[in-house]
């Protein structure tokens, strides 16, 4: 999973509100400076006569969000976007200067001086630039790239799983914990796999620190460490503003002979055409019209009772016979077969990812991608 991809679990539009307001939006303004004596980084996004501000204190890294207005002279008036009550509403009164902005930060009767100057990502060194995802982050999200330059990852504990030794690393500011492989595979394979695990850890740490209220939890649910393949399934649950909390799961799957992160189409293919590029229209069409019905067919063979369509009078029972809940299923390897997790609409989210939905490898054997060289744990 790339650093900017939390798509499978990503926050709702209410959380990333400004990204949904493309019309009339100008390029974000990136600033560094101080509130009183406390160093901060700030981003201002403007659209029409409105603005969205987020900033973090350098020594904390947690996003604080405000919304407000600006006028033709560049004067900005903004207040907390997610304050729980009026007593915790903070405000900015900022004026445009030749080099940035200056003005006041206000909370009740407390007022502190604000001084900000324009900045850029080039001023900030990131010790993790050898990971491809960091370059992507630098280009697409300068604000969070700058934040990530101060992240600190330390090993918290060590466990054994299958053929590998796993180190559990905690990021200091978010306290998000995520695994790395310490031993059990060839050194070059470990380096490739850990690169992806690091990028995911970084992404989830950014997610936590960008979530209003910090109701953001990352859990590693399952690790299958085989000599040929590695699967790590993790979940994120969060409430970052808006009407409802949400949650979701994702799998990270690797071919241990090459260290390559695998897509499901790399392994199994249910059509006679060549697999299209992921996230293109043909790929979505394949997933809906070919892949999902085939998964229902195979799961029905493997688990006929669980896949029975519920009685029409029982609207609260999970209907796993519906293809639409399988088209973008989370997946990972297990000892006994391929696990796929269903995804339901909000009202039925308790039906997500049942524990039984494993398709035995023997049922999938006719659908192996002929170009695949991955050795499966049969």
Foldseek 3Di string as FASTA:
>chain_A
DFLPPCPQWDDDCVLVVVVVPPAQKDDKFWKWWDFAPFTKIKIWIDGDFKIKIWMDTLVQLFIWIWIFGADPQGWTWIWGPDDPDLQAIKIWTWGQDPFGIWGWIDGPPDITTIDIGTDALVVADAPLVVQVSLVVCRVPPVRLSNSNSPWDKDFDDWDDAEQFIWTWIAIPNLRAIFIATDDRADPVLSVLLRSVRVSVSSSLSNVQSSAVPSQKHKAFDDWHDDHFKIKTKMKMWGDRDDDDTDMGMAMFMAGRVVSDTDDPVLWFDQDPDDADDPPDPVNLCCLQPTVLQVLLVQQCVVPVVLQDADDPVDPLDDHNSDSVQQSPWHWDDDLFAIATWGQDPPVNRVRTGDPPSGGGVVSRVVGTDPPHPRDHND
